[in-house]
Amino acid sequence: MSENNLMGIAAVSDDNAVHRLFEIIASGDLNSQEFMVLDALVYQRLARNYDETSVAQPQLHAVQAA
């Protein structure tokens, strides 16, 4: 994978990143650079959106329908 492609991965939407990661895992290409970059990207985005405590201790918030 070229340097330009790796830099472009950071601009990929969350759903596309997860979808592509799933495709790589399904193909068994777990040693590719693309897999390693996407794996790190997905975990980074999860950590950014969920603090350490909410990942370890899920919290449910009930919302009453109008």
PDB file of N, CA and C in Angstrom:
ATOM      1  N   MET A   1       0.853  -1.169   0.000  1.00  0.00           N
ATOM      2  CA  MET A   1       0.000   0.000   0.000  1.00  0.00           C
ATOM      3  C   MET A   1       0.894   1.224   0.000  1.00  0.00           C
ATOM      4  N   SER A   2       0.570   2.196  -0.831  1.00  0.00           N
ATOM      5  CA  SER A   2       1.402   3.385  -0.957  1.00  0.00           C
ATOM      6  C   SER A   2       1.189   4.330   0.221  1.00  0.00           C
ATOM      7  N   GLU A   3       2.154   5.237   0.388  1.00  0.00           N
ATOM      8  CA  GLU A   3       2.065   6.236   1.464  1.00  0.00           C
ATOM      9  C   GLU A   3       0.824   7.096   1.313  1.00  0.00           C
ATOM     10  N   ASN A   4       0.468   7.466   0.086  1.00  0.00           N
ATOM     11  CA  ASN A   4      -0.738   8.271  -0.142  1.00  0.00           C
ATOM     12  C   ASN A   4      -1.992   7.531   0.268  1.00  0.00           C
ATOM     13  N   ASN A   5      -2.049   6.226  -0.009  1.00  0.00           N
ATOM     14  CA  ASN A   5      -3.221   5.440   0.394  1.00  0.00           C
ATOM     15  C   ASN A   5      -3.329   5.343   1.905  1.00  0.00           C
ATOM     16  N   LEU A   6      -2.190   5.185   2.582  1.00  0.00           N
ATOM     17  CA  LEU A   6      -2.216   5.104   4.041  1.00  0.00           C
ATOM     18  C   LEU A   6      -2.683   6.410   4.655  1.00  0.00           C
ATOM     19  N   MET A   7      -2.224   7.529   4.101  1.00  0.00           N
ATOM     20  CA  MET A   7      -2.650   8.822   4.621  1.00  0.00           C
ATOM     21  C   MET A   7      -4.129   9.055   4.350  1.00  0.00           C
ATOM     22  N   GLY A   8      -4.635   8.529   3.244  1.00  0.00           N
ATOM     23  CA  GLY A   8      -6.039   8.679   2.896  1.00  0.00           C
ATOM     24  C   GLY A   8      -6.966   7.877   3.791  1.00  0.00           C
ATOM     25  N   ILE A   9      -6.454   6.850   4.424  1.00  0.00           N
ATOM     26  CA  ILE A   9      -7.280   6.014   5.303  1.00  0.00           C
ATOM     27  C   ILE A   9      -7.843   6.828   6.457  1.00  0.00           C
ATOM     28  N   ALA A  10      -7.091   7.789   6.958  1.00  0.00           N
ATOM     29  CA  ALA A  10      -7.565   8.603   8.078  1.00  0.00           C
ATOM     30  C   ALA A  10      -8.822   9.392   7.719  1.00  0.00           C
ATOM     31  N   ALA A  11      -9.055   9.634   6.433  1.00  0.00           N
ATOM     32  CA  ALA A  11     -10.226  10.389   5.998  1.00  0.00           C
ATOM     33  C   ALA A  11     -11.449   9.501   5.754  1.00  0.00           C
ATOM     34  N   VAL A  12     -11.300   8.203   5.891  1.00  0.00           N
ATOM     35  CA  VAL A  12     -12.387   7.255   5.645  1.00  0.00           C
ATOM     36  C   VAL A  12     -13.433   7.370   6.753  1.00  0.00           C
ATOM     37  N   SER A  13     -14.701   7.280   6.372  1.00  0.00           N
ATOM     38  CA  SER A  13     -15.769   7.332   7.372  1.00  0.00           C
ATOM     39  C   SER A  13     -15.694   6.106   8.279  1.00  0.00           C
ATOM     40  N   ASP A  14     -16.287   6.233   9.448  1.00  0.00           N
ATOM     41  CA  ASP A  14     -16.253   5.138  10.423  1.00  0.00           C
ATOM     42  C   ASP A  14     -16.840   3.850   9.858  1.00  0.00           C
ATOM     43  N   ASP A  15     -18.004   3.955   9.209  1.00  0.00           N
ATOM     44  CA  ASP A  15     -18.637   2.745   8.700  1.00  0.00           C
ATOM     45  C   ASP A  15     -17.819   2.101   7.584  1.00  0.00           C
ATOM     46  N   ASN A  16     -17.195   2.912   6.731  1.00  0.00           N
ATOM     47  CA  ASN A  16     -16.348   2.343   5.680  1.00  0.00           C
ATOM     48  C   ASN A  16     -15.094   1.699   6.259  1.00  0.00           C
ATOM     49  N   ALA A  17     -14.540   2.294   7.300  1.00  0.00           N
ATOM     50  CA  ALA A  17     -13.346   1.724   7.940  1.00  0.00           C
ATOM     51  C   ALA A  17     -13.662   0.363   8.550  1.00  0.00           C
ATOM     52  N   VAL A  18     -14.777   0.272   9.256  1.00  0.00           N
ATOM     53  CA  VAL A  18     -15.173  -0.999   9.873  1.00  0.00           C
ATOM     54  C   VAL A  18     -15.504  -2.037   8.803  1.00  0.00           C
ATOM     55  N   HIS A  19     -16.184  -1.606   7.744  1.00  0.00           N
ATOM     56  CA  HIS A  19     -16.534  -2.521   6.651  1.00  0.00           C
ATOM     57  C   HIS A  19     -15.271  -3.085   6.000  1.00  0.00           C
ATOM     58  N   ARG A  20     -14.317  -2.216   5.696  1.00  0.00           N
ATOM     59  CA  ARG A  20     -13.069  -2.667   5.051  1.00  0.00           C
ATOM     60  C   ARG A  20     -12.272  -3.560   5.997  1.00  0.00           C
ATOM     61  N   LEU A  21     -12.251  -3.217   7.280  1.00  0.00           N
ATOM     62  CA  LEU A  21     -11.557  -4.052   8.264  1.00  0.00           C
ATOM     63  C   LEU A  21     -12.172  -5.449   8.296  1.00  0.00           C
ATOM     64  N   PHE A  22     -13.494  -5.525   8.256  1.00  0.00           N
ATOM     65  CA  PHE A  22     -14.175  -6.812   8.223  1.00  0.00           C
ATOM     66  C   PHE A  22     -13.799  -7.604   6.973  1.00  0.00           C
ATOM     67  N   GLU A  23     -13.743  -6.926   5.816  1.00  0.00           N
ATOM     68  CA  GLU A  23     -13.359  -7.604   4.575  1.00  0.00           C
ATOM     69  C   GLU A  23     -11.948  -8.186   4.675  1.00  0.00           C
ATOM     70  N   ILE A  24     -11.034  -7.427   5.235  1.00  0.00           N
ATOM     71  CA  ILE A  24      -9.653  -7.905   5.374  1.00  0.00           C
ATOM     72  C   ILE A  24      -9.602  -9.106   6.311  1.00  0.00           C
ATOM     73  N   ILE A  25     -10.320  -9.027   7.414  1.00  0.00           N
ATOM     74  CA  ILE A  25     -10.341 -10.139   8.370  1.00  0.00           C
ATOM     75  C   ILE A  25     -10.943 -11.383   7.723  1.00  0.00           C
ATOM     76  N   ALA A  26     -12.029 -11.204   6.976  1.00  0.00           N
ATOM     77  CA  ALA A  26     -12.673 -12.345   6.309  1.00  0.00           C
ATOM     78  C   ALA A  26     -11.756 -12.993   5.281  1.00  0.00           C
ATOM     79  N   SER A  27     -10.899 -12.185   4.656  1.00  0.00           N
ATOM     80  CA  SER A  27      -9.974 -12.743   3.663  1.00  0.00           C
ATOM     81  C   SER A  27      -8.749 -13.384   4.310  1.00  0.00           C
ATOM     82  N   GLY A  28      -8.544 -13.120   5.602  1.00  0.00           N
ATOM     83  CA  GLY A  28      -7.417 -13.714   6.322  1.00  0.00           C
ATOM     84  C   GLY A  28      -6.108 -12.973   6.141  1.00  0.00           C
ATOM     85  N   ASP A  29      -6.153 -11.773   5.595  1.00  0.00           N
ATOM     86  CA  ASP A  29      -4.933 -11.002   5.337  1.00  0.00           C
ATOM     87  C   ASP A  29      -4.566 -10.150   6.553  1.00  0.00           C
ATOM     88  N   LEU A  30      -4.339 -10.803   7.690  1.00  0.00           N
ATOM     89  CA  LEU A  30      -4.125 -10.105   8.950  1.00  0.00           C
ATOM     90  C   LEU A  30      -2.713  -9.559   9.122  1.00  0.00           C
ATOM     91  N   ASN A  31      -1.825  -9.840   8.203  1.00  0.00           N
ATOM     92  CA  ASN A  31      -0.455  -9.339   8.304  1.00  0.00           C
ATOM     93  C   ASN A  31      -0.204  -8.164   7.374  1.00  0.00           C
ATOM     94  N   SER A  32      -1.235  -7.679   6.699  1.00  0.00           N
ATOM     95  CA  SER A  32      -1.049  -6.574   5.752  1.00  0.00           C
ATOM     96  C   SER A  32      -0.931  -5.257   6.499  1.00  0.00           C
ATOM     97  N   GLN A  33      -0.280  -4.322   5.865  1.00  0.00           N
ATOM     98  CA  GLN A  33      -0.142  -2.990   6.435  1.00  0.00           C
ATOM     99  C   GLN A  33      -1.503  -2.303   6.505  1.00  0.00           C
ATOM    100  N   GLU A  34      -2.347  -2.547   5.511  1.00  0.00           N
ATOM    101  CA  GLU A  34      -3.686  -1.952   5.513  1.00  0.00           C
ATOM    102  C   GLU A  34      -4.475  -2.413   6.736  1.00  0.00           C
ATOM    103  N   PHE A  35      -4.384  -3.700   7.068  1.00  0.00           N
ATOM    104  CA  PHE A  35      -5.080  -4.208   8.247  1.00  0.00           C
ATOM    105  C   PHE A  35      -4.590  -3.512   9.505  1.00  0.00           C
ATOM    106  N   MET A  36      -3.271  -3.417   9.649  1.00  0.00           N
ATOM    107  CA  MET A  36      -2.707  -2.814  10.865  1.00  0.00           C
ATOM    108  C   MET A  36      -3.124  -1.350  11.006  1.00  0.00           C
ATOM    109  N   VAL A  37      -3.132  -0.620   9.893  1.00  0.00           N
ATOM    110  CA  VAL A  37      -3.514   0.792   9.931  1.00  0.00           C
ATOM    111  C   VAL A  37      -5.004   0.937  10.242  1.00  0.00           C
ATOM    112  N   LEU A  38      -5.836   0.153   9.571  1.00  0.00           N
ATOM    113  CA  LEU A  38      -7.282   0.234   9.820  1.00  0.00           C
ATOM    114  C   LEU A  38      -7.633  -0.210  11.233  1.00  0.00           C
ATOM    115  N   ASP A  39      -6.990  -1.245  11.715  1.00  0.00           N
ATOM    116  CA  ASP A  39      -7.235  -1.733  13.069  1.00  0.00           C
ATOM    117  C   ASP A  39      -6.921  -0.635  14.086  1.00  0.00           C
ATOM    118  N   ALA A  40      -5.766  -0.001  13.926  1.00  0.00           N
ATOM    119  CA  ALA A  40      -5.385   1.090  14.833  1.00  0.00           C
ATOM    120  C   ALA A  40      -6.348   2.265  14.714  1.00  0.00           C
ATOM    121  N   LEU A  41      -6.771   2.577  13.493  1.00  0.00           N
ATOM    122  CA  LEU A  41      -7.693   3.681  13.266  1.00  0.00           C
ATOM    123  C   LEU A  41      -9.035   3.439  13.955  1.00  0.00           C
ATOM    124  N   VAL A  42      -9.577   2.241  13.799  1.00  0.00           N
ATOM    125  CA  VAL A  42     -10.871   1.913  14.407  1.00  0.00           C
ATOM    126  C   VAL A  42     -10.772   1.981  15.928  1.00  0.00           C
ATOM    127  N   TYR A  43      -9.717   1.413  16.504  1.00  0.00           N
ATOM    128  CA  TYR A  43      -9.557   1.474  17.963  1.00  0.00           C
ATOM    129  C   TYR A  43      -9.351   2.903  18.441  1.00  0.00           C
ATOM    130  N   GLN A  44      -8.617   3.711  17.675  1.00  0.00           N
ATOM    131  CA  GLN A  44      -8.406   5.110  18.032  1.00  0.00           C
ATOM    132  C   GLN A  44      -9.728   5.866  18.043  1.00  0.00           C
ATOM    133  N   ARG A  45     -10.548   5.626  17.034  1.00  0.00           N
ATOM    134  CA  ARG A  45     -11.841   6.310  16.978  1.00  0.00           C
ATOM    135  C   ARG A  45     -12.771   5.842  18.087  1.00  0.00           C
ATOM    136  N   LEU A  46     -12.733   4.565  18.423  1.00  0.00           N
ATOM    137  CA  LEU A  46     -13.537   4.082  19.549  1.00  0.00           C
ATOM    138  C   LEU A  46     -13.094   4.746  20.847  1.00  0.00           C
ATOM    139  N   ALA A  47     -11.786   4.813  21.069  1.00  0.00           N
ATOM    140  CA  ALA A  47     -11.260   5.431  22.284  1.00  0.00           C
ATOM    141  C   ALA A  47     -11.609   6.913  22.341  1.00  0.00           C
ATOM    142  N   ARG A  48     -11.596   7.588  21.193  1.00  0.00           N
ATOM    143  CA  ARG A  48     -11.923   9.014  21.145  1.00  0.00           C
ATOM    144  C   ARG A  48     -13.393   9.241  21.504  1.00  0.00           C
ATOM    145  N   ASN A  49     -14.252   8.343  21.088  1.00  0.00           N
ATOM    146  CA  ASN A  49     -15.692   8.527  21.302  1.00  0.00           C
ATOM    147  C   ASN A  49     -16.212   7.955  22.613  1.00  0.00           C
ATOM    148  N   TYR A  50     -15.472   7.041  23.192  1.00  0.00           N
ATOM    149  CA  TYR A  50     -15.881   6.420  24.450  1.00  0.00           C
ATOM    150  C   TYR A  50     -14.694   6.463  25.385  1.00  0.00           C
ATOM    151  N   ASP A  51     -14.884   7.082  26.539  1.00  0.00           N
ATOM    152  CA  ASP A  51     -13.757   7.122  27.460  1.00  0.00           C
ATOM    153  C   ASP A  51     -13.496   5.723  28.003  1.00  0.00           C
ATOM    154  N   GLU A  52     -12.350   5.554  28.633  1.00  0.00           N
ATOM    155  CA  GLU A  52     -11.916   4.244  29.120  1.00  0.00           C
ATOM    156  C   GLU A  52     -12.964   3.606  30.032  1.00  0.00           C
ATOM    157  N   THR A  53     -13.587   4.377  30.903  1.00  0.00           N
ATOM    158  CA  THR A  53     -14.537   3.795  31.849  1.00  0.00           C
ATOM    159  C   THR A  53     -15.815   3.322  31.168  1.00  0.00           C
ATOM    160  N   SER A  54     -16.288   4.055  30.144  1.00  0.00           N
ATOM    161  CA  SER A  54     -17.535   3.642  29.510  1.00  0.00           C
ATOM    162  C   SER A  54     -17.333   2.422  28.623  1.00  0.00           C
ATOM    163  N   VAL A  55     -16.095   2.204  28.125  1.00  0.00           N
ATOM    164  CA  VAL A  55     -15.824   0.993  27.354  1.00  0.00           C
ATOM    165  C   VAL A  55     -15.768  -0.199  28.295  1.00  0.00           C
ATOM    166  N   ALA A  56     -15.099  -0.030  29.439  1.00  0.00           N
ATOM    167  CA  ALA A  56     -14.975  -1.122  30.404  1.00  0.00           C
ATOM    168  C   ALA A  56     -16.289  -1.345  31.148  1.00  0.00           C
ATOM    169  N   GLN A  57     -17.005  -0.270  31.450  1.00  0.00           N
ATOM    170  CA  GLN A  57     -18.255  -0.339  32.191  1.00  0.00           C
ATOM    171  C   GLN A  57     -19.355   0.335  31.363  1.00  0.00           C
ATOM    172  N   PRO A  58     -20.025  -0.424  30.491  1.00  0.00           N
ATOM    173  CA  PRO A  58     -21.063   0.195  29.658  1.00  0.00           C
ATOM    174  C   PRO A  58     -22.134   0.862  30.502  1.00  0.00           C
ATOM    175  N   GLN A  59     -22.561   2.020  30.057  1.00  0.00           N
ATOM    176  CA  GLN A  59     -23.603   2.749  30.749  1.00  0.00           C
ATOM    177  C   GLN A  59     -24.772   2.942  29.794  1.00  0.00           C
ATOM    178  N   LEU A  60     -25.949   2.588  30.262  1.00  0.00           N
ATOM    179  CA  LEU A  60     -27.154   2.734  29.455  1.00  0.00           C
ATOM    180  C   LEU A  60     -27.895   3.990  29.905  1.00  0.00           C
ATOM    181  N   HIS A  61     -28.376   4.736  28.952  1.00  0.00           N
ATOM    182  CA  HIS A  61     -29.145   5.926  29.247  1.00  0.00           C
ATOM    183  C   HIS A  61     -30.506   5.784  28.595  1.00  0.00           C
ATOM    184  N   ALA A  62     -31.522   5.688  29.417  1.00  0.00           N
ATOM    185  CA  ALA A  62     -32.885   5.531  28.906  1.00  0.00           C
ATOM    186  C   ALA A  62     -33.409   6.878  28.432  1.00  0.00           C
ATOM    187  N   VAL A  63     -34.097   6.868  27.300  1.00  0.00           N
ATOM    188  CA  VAL A  63     -34.713   8.072  26.770  1.00  0.00           C
ATOM    189  C   VAL A  63     -36.179   7.757  26.557  1.00  0.00           C
ATOM    190  N   GLN A  64     -37.013   8.589  27.128  1.00  0.00           N
ATOM    191  CA  GLN A  64     -38.454   8.374  27.014  1.00  0.00           C
ATOM    192  C   GLN A  64     -38.934   8.915  25.674  1.00  0.00           C
ATOM    193  N   ALA A  65     -39.693   8.097  24.970  1.00  0.00           N
ATOM    194  CA  ALA A  65     -40.254   8.517  23.681  1.00  0.00           C
ATOM    195  C   ALA A  65     -41.304   9.581  23.894  1.00  0.00           C
ATOM    196  N   ALA A  66     -41.383  10.497  22.958  1.00  0.00           N
ATOM    197  CA  ALA A  66     -42.365  11.588  23.065  1.00  0.00           C
ATOM    198  C   ALA A  66     -43.765  11.105  22.799  1.00  0.00           C
TER     199      ALA A  66
END
